[in-house]
PDB file of all heavy atoms in Angstrom:
ATOM      1  N   ASP A   1      30.933  63.262  55.444  1.00  0.00           N
ATOM      2  CA  ASP A   1      31.592  63.522  54.208  1.00  0.00           C
ATOM      3  C   ASP A   1      32.478  62.386  53.711  1.00  0.00           C
ATOM      4  O   ASP A   1      32.534  62.010  52.563  1.00  0.00           O
ATOM      5  CB  ASP A   1      32.447  64.799  54.343  1.00  0.00           C
ATOM      6  CG  ASP A   1      31.681  65.902  55.009  1.00  0.00           C
ATOM      7  OD1 ASP A   1      30.612  66.279  54.482  1.00  0.00           O
ATOM      8  OD2 ASP A   1      32.172  66.467  56.013  1.00  0.00           O
ATOM      9  N   ILE A   2      33.193  61.814  54.679  1.00  0.00           N
ATOM     10  CA  ILE A   2      34.199  60.792  54.378  1.00  0.00           C
ATOM     11  C   ILE A   2      33.958  59.526  55.163  1.00  0.00           C
ATOM     12  O   ILE A   2      33.458  59.552  56.307  1.00  0.00           O
ATOM     13  CB  ILE A   2      35.624  61.294  54.822  1.00  0.00           C
ATOM     14  CG1 ILE A   2      35.968  62.615  54.108  1.00  0.00           C
ATOM     15  CG2 ILE A   2      36.728  60.237  54.573  1.00  0.00           C
ATOM     16  CD1 ILE A   2      36.200  62.505  52.643  1.00  0.00           C
ATOM     17  N   THR A   3      34.185  58.377  54.509  1.00  0.00           N
ATOM     18  CA  THR A   3      34.045  57.076  55.191  1.00  0.00           C
ATOM     19  C   THR A   3      35.416  56.431  55.140  1.00  0.00           C
ATOM     20  O   THR A   3      36.079  56.330  54.120  1.00  0.00           O
ATOM     21  CB  THR A   3      33.027  56.174  54.479  1.00  0.00           C
ATOM     22  OG1 THR A   3      31.787  56.832  54.470  1.00  0.00           O
ATOM     23  CG2 THR A   3      32.899  54.856  55.180  1.00  0.00           C
ATOM     24  N   GLU A   4      35.855  56.037  56.322  1.00  0.00           N
ATOM     25  CA  GLU A   4      37.117  55.274  56.443  1.00  0.00           C
ATOM     26  C   GLU A   4      36.766  53.783  56.515  1.00  0.00           C
ATOM     27  O   GLU A   4      35.872  53.367  57.236  1.00  0.00           O
ATOM     28  CB  GLU A   4      37.869  55.651  57.705  1.00  0.00           C
ATOM     29  CG  GLU A   4      39.124  54.873  57.969  1.00  0.00           C
ATOM     30  CD  GLU A   4      39.784  55.177  59.266  1.00  0.00           C
ATOM     31  OE1 GLU A   4      39.322  56.023  60.046  1.00  0.00           O
ATOM     32  OE2 GLU A   4      40.869  54.607  59.513  1.00  0.00           O
ATOM     33  N   LEU A   5      37.436  52.975  55.649  1.00  0.00           N
ATOM     34  CA  LEU A   5      37.210  51.546  55.637  1.00  0.00           C
ATOM     35  C   LEU A   5      38.543  50.842  56.011  1.00  0.00           C
ATOM     36  O   LEU A   5      39.605  51.207  55.512  1.00  0.00           O
ATOM     37  CB  LEU A   5      36.830  51.059  54.245  1.00  0.00           C
ATOM     38  CG  LEU A   5      35.507  51.596  53.694  1.00  0.00           C
ATOM     39  CD1 LEU A   5      35.364  51.070  52.251  1.00  0.00           C
ATOM     40  CD2 LEU A   5      34.361  51.120  54.512  1.00  0.00           C
ATOM     41  N   LYS A   6      38.421  49.872  56.879  1.00  0.00           N
ATOM     42  CA  LYS A   6      39.566  49.010  57.182  1.00  0.00           C
ATOM     43  C   LYS A   6      39.076  47.589  56.899  1.00  0.00           C
ATOM     44  O   LYS A   6      37.985  47.182  57.376  1.00  0.00           O
ATOM     45  CB  LYS A   6      39.963  49.114  58.624  1.00  0.00           C
ATOM     46  CG  LYS A   6      40.576  50.507  58.969  1.00  0.00           C
ATOM     47  CD  LYS A   6      41.023  50.586  60.440  1.00  0.00           C
ATOM     48  CE  LYS A   6      41.536  51.960  60.749  1.00  0.00           C
ATOM     49  NZ  LYS A   6      41.979  52.032  62.179  1.00  0.00           N
ATOM     50  N   ILE A   7      39.880  46.843  56.167  1.00  0.00           N
ATOM     51  CA  ILE A   7      39.444  45.549  55.750  1.00  0.00           C
ATOM     52  C   ILE A   7      40.668  44.630  55.534  1.00  0.00           C
ATOM     53  O   ILE A   7      41.718  45.070  55.340  1.00  0.00           O
ATOM     54  CB  ILE A   7      38.636  45.647  54.413  1.00  0.00           C
ATOM     55  CG1 ILE A   7      37.963  44.382  54.034  1.00  0.00           C
ATOM     56  CG2 ILE A   7      39.445  46.243  53.288  1.00  0.00           C
ATOM     57  CD1 ILE A   7      36.892  44.468  52.978  1.00  0.00           C
ATOM     58  N   GLY A   8      40.366  43.321  55.632  1.00  0.00           N
ATOM     59  CA  GLY A   8      41.363  42.297  55.426  1.00  0.00           C
ATOM     60  C   GLY A   8      40.743  41.060  54.895  1.00  0.00           C
ATOM     61  O   GLY A   8      39.458  40.957  54.857  1.00  0.00           O
ATOM     62  N   ASP A   9      41.496  40.080  54.477  1.00  0.00           N
ATOM     63  CA  ASP A   9      40.956  38.803  53.973  1.00  0.00           C
ATOM     64  C   ASP A   9      40.146  38.128  55.054  1.00  0.00           C
ATOM     65  O   ASP A   9      40.637  37.895  56.166  1.00  0.00           O
ATOM     66  CB  ASP A   9      42.127  37.874  53.545  1.00  0.00           C
ATOM     67  CG  ASP A   9      42.724  38.283  52.175  1.00  0.00           C
ATOM     68  OD1 ASP A   9      41.944  38.774  51.310  1.00  0.00           O
ATOM     69  OD2 ASP A   9      43.905  38.137  52.034  1.00  0.00           O
ATOM     70  N   THR A  10      38.909  37.851  54.730  1.00  0.00           N
ATOM     71  CA  THR A  10      37.949  37.153  55.599  1.00  0.00           C
ATOM     72  C   THR A  10      37.919  37.711  57.014  1.00  0.00           C
ATOM     73  O   THR A  10      37.750  36.987  57.965  1.00  0.00           O
ATOM     74  CB  THR A  10      38.190  35.608  55.613  1.00  0.00           C
ATOM     75  OG1 THR A  10      39.495  35.379  56.200  1.00  0.00           O
ATOM     76  CG2 THR A  10      38.102  34.995  54.241  1.00  0.00           C
ATOM     77  N   MET A  11      38.122  39.047  57.155  1.00  0.00           N
ATOM     78  CA  MET A  11      38.120  39.712  58.431  1.00  0.00           C
ATOM     79  C   MET A  11      36.851  40.527  58.478  1.00  0.00           C
ATOM     80  O   MET A  11      36.211  40.841  57.443  1.00  0.00           O
ATOM     81  CB  MET A  11      39.307  40.645  58.557  1.00  0.00           C
ATOM     82  CG  MET A  11      40.670  39.969  58.772  1.00  0.00           C
ATOM     83  SD  MET A  11      41.978  41.230  58.834  1.00  0.00           S
ATOM     84  CE  MET A  11      41.664  41.914  60.458  1.00  0.00           C
ATOM     85  N   PRO A  12      36.509  40.972  59.690  1.00  0.00           N
ATOM     86  CA  PRO A  12      35.402  41.945  59.720  1.00  0.00           C
ATOM     87  C   PRO A  12      35.763  43.224  58.939  1.00  0.00           C
ATOM     88  O   PRO A  12      36.947  43.471  58.709  1.00  0.00           O
ATOM     89  CB  PRO A  12      35.244  42.272  61.219  1.00  0.00           C
ATOM     90  CG  PRO A  12      35.943  41.141  61.925  1.00  0.00           C
ATOM     91  CD  PRO A  12      36.990  40.673  60.990  1.00  0.00           C
ATOM     92  N   ILE A  13      34.753  43.987  58.615  1.00  0.00           N
ATOM     93  CA  ILE A  13      35.009  45.302  58.003  1.00  0.00           C
ATOM     94  C   ILE A  13      34.751  46.381  59.054  1.00  0.00           C
ATOM     95  O   ILE A  13      33.778  46.325  59.767  1.00  0.00           O
ATOM     96  CB  ILE A  13      34.204  45.525  56.703  1.00  0.00           C
ATOM     97  CG1 ILE A  13      34.690  46.801  55.977  1.00  0.00           C
ATOM     98  CG2 ILE A  13      32.725  45.515  56.970  1.00  0.00           C
ATOM     99  CD1 ILE A  13      34.085  46.945  54.606  1.00  0.00           C
ATOM    100  N   PHE A  14      35.661  47.337  59.158  1.00  0.00           N
ATOM    101  CA  PHE A  14      35.545  48.433  60.057  1.00  0.00           C
ATOM    102  C   PHE A  14      35.094  49.609  59.163  1.00  0.00           C
ATOM    103  O   PHE A  14      35.766  49.993  58.187  1.00  0.00           O
ATOM    104  CB  PHE A  14      36.863  48.741  60.753  1.00  0.00           C
ATOM    105  CG  PHE A  14      36.848  50.017  61.572  1.00  0.00           C
ATOM    106  CD1 PHE A  14      36.337  50.000  62.840  1.00  0.00           C
ATOM    107  CD2 PHE A  14      37.355  51.198  61.034  1.00  0.00           C
ATOM    108  CE1 PHE A  14      36.360  51.142  63.617  1.00  0.00           C
ATOM    109  CE2 PHE A  14      37.334  52.343  61.844  1.00  0.00           C
ATOM    110  CZ  PHE A  14      36.868  52.353  63.102  1.00  0.00           C
ATOM    111  N   ILE A  15      33.950  50.231  59.506  1.00  0.00           N
ATOM    112  CA  ILE A  15      33.442  51.403  58.741  1.00  0.00           C
ATOM    113  C   ILE A  15      33.304  52.523  59.701  1.00  0.00           C
ATOM    114  O   ILE A  15      32.580  52.435  60.731  1.00  0.00           O
ATOM    115  CB  ILE A  15      32.038  51.050  58.147  1.00  0.00           C
ATOM    116  CG1 ILE A  15      32.180  49.834  57.253  1.00  0.00           C
ATOM    117  CG2 ILE A  15      31.492  52.246  57.368  1.00  0.00           C
ATOM    118  CD1 ILE A  15      30.840  49.281  56.743  1.00  0.00           C
ATOM    119  N   LYS A  16      33.964  53.671  59.403  1.00  0.00           N
ATOM    120  CA  LYS A  16      33.905  54.840  60.224  1.00  0.00           C
ATOM    121  C   LYS A  16      33.486  56.003  59.355  1.00  0.00           C
ATOM    122  O   LYS A  16      34.147  56.368  58.409  1.00  0.00           O
ATOM    123  CB  LYS A  16      35.273  55.125  60.836  1.00  0.00           C
ATOM    124  CG  LYS A  16      35.338  56.312  61.795  1.00  0.00           C
ATOM    125  CD  LYS A  16      36.712  56.457  62.395  1.00  0.00           C
ATOM    126  CE  LYS A  16      36.801  57.609  63.381  1.00  0.00           C
ATOM    127  NZ  LYS A  16      38.109  57.695  63.961  1.00  0.00           N
ATOM    128  N   PHE A  17      32.328  56.581  59.737  1.00  0.00           N
ATOM    129  CA  PHE A  17      31.805  57.770  59.045  1.00  0.00           C
ATOM    130  C   PHE A  17      32.352  58.996  59.721  1.00  0.00           C
ATOM    131  O   PHE A  17      32.209  59.114  60.981  1.00  0.00           O
ATOM    132  CB  PHE A  17      30.294  57.783  59.041  1.00  0.00           C
ATOM    133  CG  PHE A  17      29.708  56.636  58.331  1.00  0.00           C
ATOM    134  CD1 PHE A  17      29.122  55.569  59.089  1.00  0.00           C
ATOM    135  CD2 PHE A  17      29.711  56.530  56.971  1.00  0.00           C
ATOM    136  CE1 PHE A  17      28.549  54.463  58.439  1.00  0.00           C
ATOM    137  CE2 PHE A  17      29.184  55.449  56.306  1.00  0.00           C
ATOM    138  CZ  PHE A  17      28.568  54.392  57.035  1.00  0.00           C
ATOM    139  N   ILE A  18      33.001  59.860  59.028  1.00  0.00           N
ATOM    140  CA  ILE A  18      33.701  61.047  59.610  1.00  0.00           C
ATOM    141  C   ILE A  18      33.082  62.296  59.067  1.00  0.00           C
ATOM    142  O   ILE A  18      33.043  62.495  57.843  1.00  0.00           O
ATOM    143  CB  ILE A  18      35.194  61.006  59.272  1.00  0.00           C
ATOM    144  CG1 ILE A  18      35.796  59.682  59.653  1.00  0.00           C
ATOM    145  CG2 ILE A  18      35.932  62.158  59.869  1.00  0.00           C
ATOM    146  CD1 ILE A  18      37.178  59.395  59.050  1.00  0.00           C
ATOM    147  N   SER A  19      32.558  63.146  59.963  1.00  0.00           N
ATOM    148  CA  SER A  19      32.100  64.443  59.600  1.00  0.00           C
ATOM    149  C   SER A  19      33.160  65.475  59.883  1.00  0.00           C
ATOM    150  O   SER A  19      33.512  65.775  61.030  1.00  0.00           O
ATOM    151  CB  SER A  19      30.827  64.817  60.386  1.00  0.00           C
ATOM    152  OG  SER A  19      30.420  66.116  60.041  1.00  0.00           O
ATOM    153  N   VAL A  20      33.708  66.034  58.809  1.00  0.00           N
ATOM    154  CA  VAL A  20      34.822  66.961  58.912  1.00  0.00           C
ATOM    155  C   VAL A  20      34.317  68.283  59.569  1.00  0.00           C
ATOM    156  O   VAL A  20      34.947  68.796  60.523  1.00  0.00           O
ATOM    157  CB  VAL A  20      35.464  67.258  57.554  1.00  0.00           C
ATOM    158  CG1 VAL A  20      36.557  68.281  57.689  1.00  0.00           C
ATOM    159  CG2 VAL A  20      35.998  65.910  57.006  1.00  0.00           C
ATOM    160  N   ALA A  21      33.167  68.791  59.129  1.00  0.00           N
ATOM    161  CA  ALA A  21      32.684  70.073  59.559  1.00  0.00           C
ATOM    162  C   ALA A  21      32.152  70.048  60.975  1.00  0.00           C
ATOM    163  O   ALA A  21      32.273  71.012  61.722  1.00  0.00           O
ATOM    164  CB  ALA A  21      31.594  70.574  58.621  1.00  0.00           C
ATOM    165  N   GLU A  22      31.550  68.950  61.354  1.00  0.00           N
ATOM    166  CA  GLU A  22      30.910  68.847  62.682  1.00  0.00           C
ATOM    167  C   GLU A  22      31.731  68.211  63.785  1.00  0.00           C
ATOM    168  O   GLU A  22      31.339  68.151  64.923  1.00  0.00           O
ATOM    169  CB  GLU A  22      29.569  68.076  62.547  1.00  0.00           C
ATOM    170  CG  GLU A  22      28.580  68.698  61.559  1.00  0.00           C
ATOM    171  CD  GLU A  22      28.135  70.062  61.970  1.00  0.00           C
ATOM    172  OE1 GLU A  22      27.960  70.304  63.191  1.00  0.00           O
ATOM    173  OE2 GLU A  22      27.885  70.947  61.076  1.00  0.00           O
ATOM    174  N   ASP A  23      32.921  67.642  63.425  1.00  0.00           N
ATOM    175  CA  ASP A  23      33.857  67.087  64.361  1.00  0.00           C
ATOM    176  C   ASP A  23      33.222  65.920  65.142  1.00  0.00           C
ATOM    177  O   ASP A  23      33.245  65.937  66.404  1.00  0.00           O
ATOM    178  CB  ASP A  23      34.407  68.183  65.308  1.00  0.00           C
ATOM    179  CG  ASP A  23      35.588  67.699  66.080  1.00  0.00           C
ATOM    180  OD1 ASP A  23      36.334  66.866  65.591  1.00  0.00           O
ATOM    181  OD2 ASP A  23      35.809  68.181  67.223  1.00  0.00           O
ATOM    182  N   TYR A  24      32.653  64.974  64.433  1.00  0.00           N
ATOM    183  CA  TYR A  24      32.196  63.723  65.080  1.00  0.00           C
ATOM    184  C   TYR A  24      32.336  62.566  64.148  1.00  0.00           C
ATOM    185  O   TYR A  24      32.681  62.755  62.955  1.00  0.00           O
ATOM    186  CB  TYR A  24      30.619  63.858  65.495  1.00  0.00           C
ATOM    187  CG  TYR A  24      29.739  63.909  64.355  1.00  0.00           C
ATOM    188  CD1 TYR A  24      29.257  62.763  63.742  1.00  0.00           C
ATOM    189  CD2 TYR A  24      29.304  65.132  63.804  1.00  0.00           C
ATOM    190  CE1 TYR A  24      28.402  62.810  62.644  1.00  0.00           C
ATOM    191  CE2 TYR A  24      28.430  65.155  62.781  1.00  0.00           C
ATOM    192  CZ  TYR A  24      27.990  64.032  62.191  1.00  0.00           C
ATOM    193  OH  TYR A  24      27.135  64.071  61.094  1.00  0.00           O
TER     194      TYR A  24
END
């Protein structure tokens, strides 16, 4: 349902897919 993004200038991007209903 939700995607968490963490980002910075010329840094890697962290992408976390979060399922609220299924808890994973």
